[in-house]
Amino acid sequence: MPGFTLDEVRTRTLKQRDSWWTVYFVDPMAVRLVRLVANRTSITPNQLTVAALFLGLGAAVCFALGYREALVLGALFYFLCFLVDCMDGKLARLTDTESLFGSWMDYVSDRFRVLVCAVA
């Protein structure tokens, strides 16, 4: 398995422009987690996309329950699904495994996840 450094992960994966929330709160964690995943596992970007989808669906269930503890848990799940969603693209760019199918799957699952959470 390759041994990516933190600087290499940052250089190859960070976007030129991104939202302030992503830049200051998500990317610092995502970059470190992507390095860990790339260096120590065989997890693929598409597997991360599916994991983000399931975390988002878990958040939607919690939001639909509607009581305080479930809403807090839903917010945690939603943050984690956003973190994992950021990781899938970074991992694809880092490992040169970007694909048209992966981009489509990411786009569709993102829209579906947001819709389901909004409805919940």
Protein backbone atom coordinates (compact mmCIF):
# COMPACT_ATOMS: atom_id res chain seq x y z
CA MET A 1 0.00 0.00 0.00
CA PRO A 2 1.20 3.51 -0.70
CA GLY A 3 2.47 5.72 2.07
CA PHE A 4 0.96 9.16 1.56
CA THR A 5 2.19 12.05 3.71
CA LEU A 6 -0.17 14.64 5.17
CA ASP A 7 1.28 17.35 2.91
CA GLU A 8 0.81 15.16 -0.14
CA VAL A 9 -2.80 14.50 0.80
CA ARG A 10 -3.45 18.22 1.25
CA THR A 11 -1.77 19.13 -2.04
CA ARG A 12 -3.57 16.50 -4.08
CA THR A 13 -7.04 16.67 -2.52
CA LEU A 14 -7.94 20.15 -1.31
CA LYS A 15 -10.07 22.23 -3.67
CA GLN A 16 -9.08 25.77 -4.63
CA ARG A 17 -12.48 27.09 -3.61
CA ASP A 18 -14.83 25.61 -1.06
CA SER A 19 -17.32 26.79 1.55
CA TRP A 20 -16.00 28.26 4.79
CA TRP A 21 -17.57 25.43 6.81
CA THR A 22 -15.73 22.82 4.79
CA VAL A 23 -12.41 24.68 4.82
CA TYR A 24 -12.32 25.40 8.56
CA PHE A 25 -14.26 22.55 10.17
CA VAL A 26 -14.41 19.54 7.87
CA ASP A 27 -11.27 19.49 5.70
CA PRO A 28 -8.82 19.39 8.63
CA MET A 29 -10.47 16.16 9.83
CA ALA A 30 -11.19 14.75 6.36
CA VAL A 31 -7.59 15.11 5.18
CA ARG A 32 -6.26 13.19 8.17
CA LEU A 33 -8.91 10.49 7.84
CA VAL A 34 -8.28 10.15 4.09
CA ARG A 35 -4.58 9.67 4.79
CA LEU A 36 -5.43 6.98 7.33
CA VAL A 37 -7.87 5.24 4.97
CA ALA A 38 -5.52 5.44 1.97
CA ASN A 39 -2.48 4.20 3.89
CA ARG A 40 -4.05 1.48 6.02
CA THR A 41 -7.16 0.10 4.31
CA SER A 42 -8.45 -0.98 0.94
CA ILE A 43 -11.64 1.10 1.24
CA THR A 44 -12.70 2.61 -2.07
CA PRO A 45 -14.25 6.03 -2.73
CA ASN A 46 -17.51 4.35 -3.79
CA GLN A 47 -17.67 2.51 -0.48
CA LEU A 48 -17.33 5.84 1.30
CA THR A 49 -20.15 7.23 -0.84
CA VAL A 50 -22.41 4.37 0.25
CA ALA A 51 -21.39 4.86 3.90
CA ALA A 52 -22.26 8.57 3.64
CA LEU A 53 -25.64 7.66 2.16
CA PHE A 54 -26.45 5.31 5.04
CA LEU A 55 -25.30 7.85 7.63
CA GLY A 56 -27.58 10.40 5.97
CA LEU A 57 -30.50 7.98 6.01
CA GLY A 58 -29.81 7.36 9.70
CA ALA A 59 -29.90 11.12 10.25
CA ALA A 60 -33.25 11.29 8.44
CA VAL A 61 -34.71 8.59 10.71
CA CYS A 62 -33.55 10.52 13.76
CA PHE A 63 -34.99 13.78 12.38
CA ALA A 64 -38.31 12.05 11.69
CA LEU A 65 -38.53 10.83 15.30
CA GLY A 66 -38.48 14.46 16.34
CA TYR A 67 -37.62 14.34 20.02
CA ARG A 68 -34.63 16.24 21.36
CA GLU A 69 -32.17 13.39 21.77
CA ALA A 70 -33.00 12.00 18.34
CA LEU A 71 -32.52 15.43 16.76
CA VAL A 72 -29.09 15.75 18.37
CA LEU A 73 -28.17 12.26 17.21
CA GLY A 74 -29.49 13.12 13.74
CA ALA A 75 -27.32 16.23 13.63
CA LEU A 76 -24.30 14.12 14.59
CA PHE A 77 -25.13 11.56 11.88
CA TYR A 78 -25.60 14.35 9.34
CA PHE A 79 -22.23 15.90 10.20
CA LEU A 80 -20.58 12.48 9.92
CA CYS A 81 -22.24 11.84 6.55
CA PHE A 82 -20.95 15.21 5.32
CA LEU A 83 -17.45 14.36 6.59
CA VAL A 84 -17.49 10.96 4.87
CA ASP A 85 -18.92 12.57 1.72
CA CYS A 86 -15.97 14.97 1.66
CA MET A 87 -13.62 12.05 2.10
CA ASP A 88 -14.84 10.08 -0.91
CA GLY A 89 -13.79 12.70 -3.45
CA LYS A 90 -10.50 13.34 -1.69
CA LEU A 91 -9.71 9.62 -1.65
CA ALA A 92 -10.56 9.32 -5.36
CA ARG A 93 -8.30 12.27 -6.25
CA LEU A 94 -5.49 11.01 -4.01
CA THR A 95 -5.50 7.46 -5.37
CA ASP A 96 -6.26 8.43 -8.99
CA THR A 97 -9.46 6.35 -8.95
CA GLU A 98 -11.88 9.06 -10.06
CA SER A 99 -14.55 7.72 -12.38
CA LEU A 100 -17.66 8.95 -14.15
CA PHE A 101 -19.76 6.34 -12.34
CA GLY A 102 -18.31 7.38 -8.97
CA SER A 103 -19.04 11.05 -9.67
CA TRP A 104 -22.60 10.20 -10.71
CA MET A 105 -23.15 7.98 -7.67
CA ASP A 106 -21.83 10.71 -5.37
CA TYR A 107 -24.04 13.37 -6.97
CA VAL A 108 -27.21 11.26 -6.86
CA SER A 109 -26.67 10.05 -3.29
CA ASP A 110 -25.93 13.61 -2.12
CA ARG A 111 -29.18 14.93 -3.59
CA PHE A 112 -31.20 11.98 -2.30
CA ARG A 113 -29.72 12.30 1.19
CA VAL A 114 -30.46 16.03 1.38
CA LEU A 115 -34.02 15.51 0.13
CA VAL A 116 -34.77 12.71 2.58
CA CYS A 117 -33.35 14.70 5.52
CA ALA A 118 -35.31 17.80 4.51
CA VAL A 119 -38.55 15.83 4.30
CA ALA A 120 -37.86 14.11 7.63
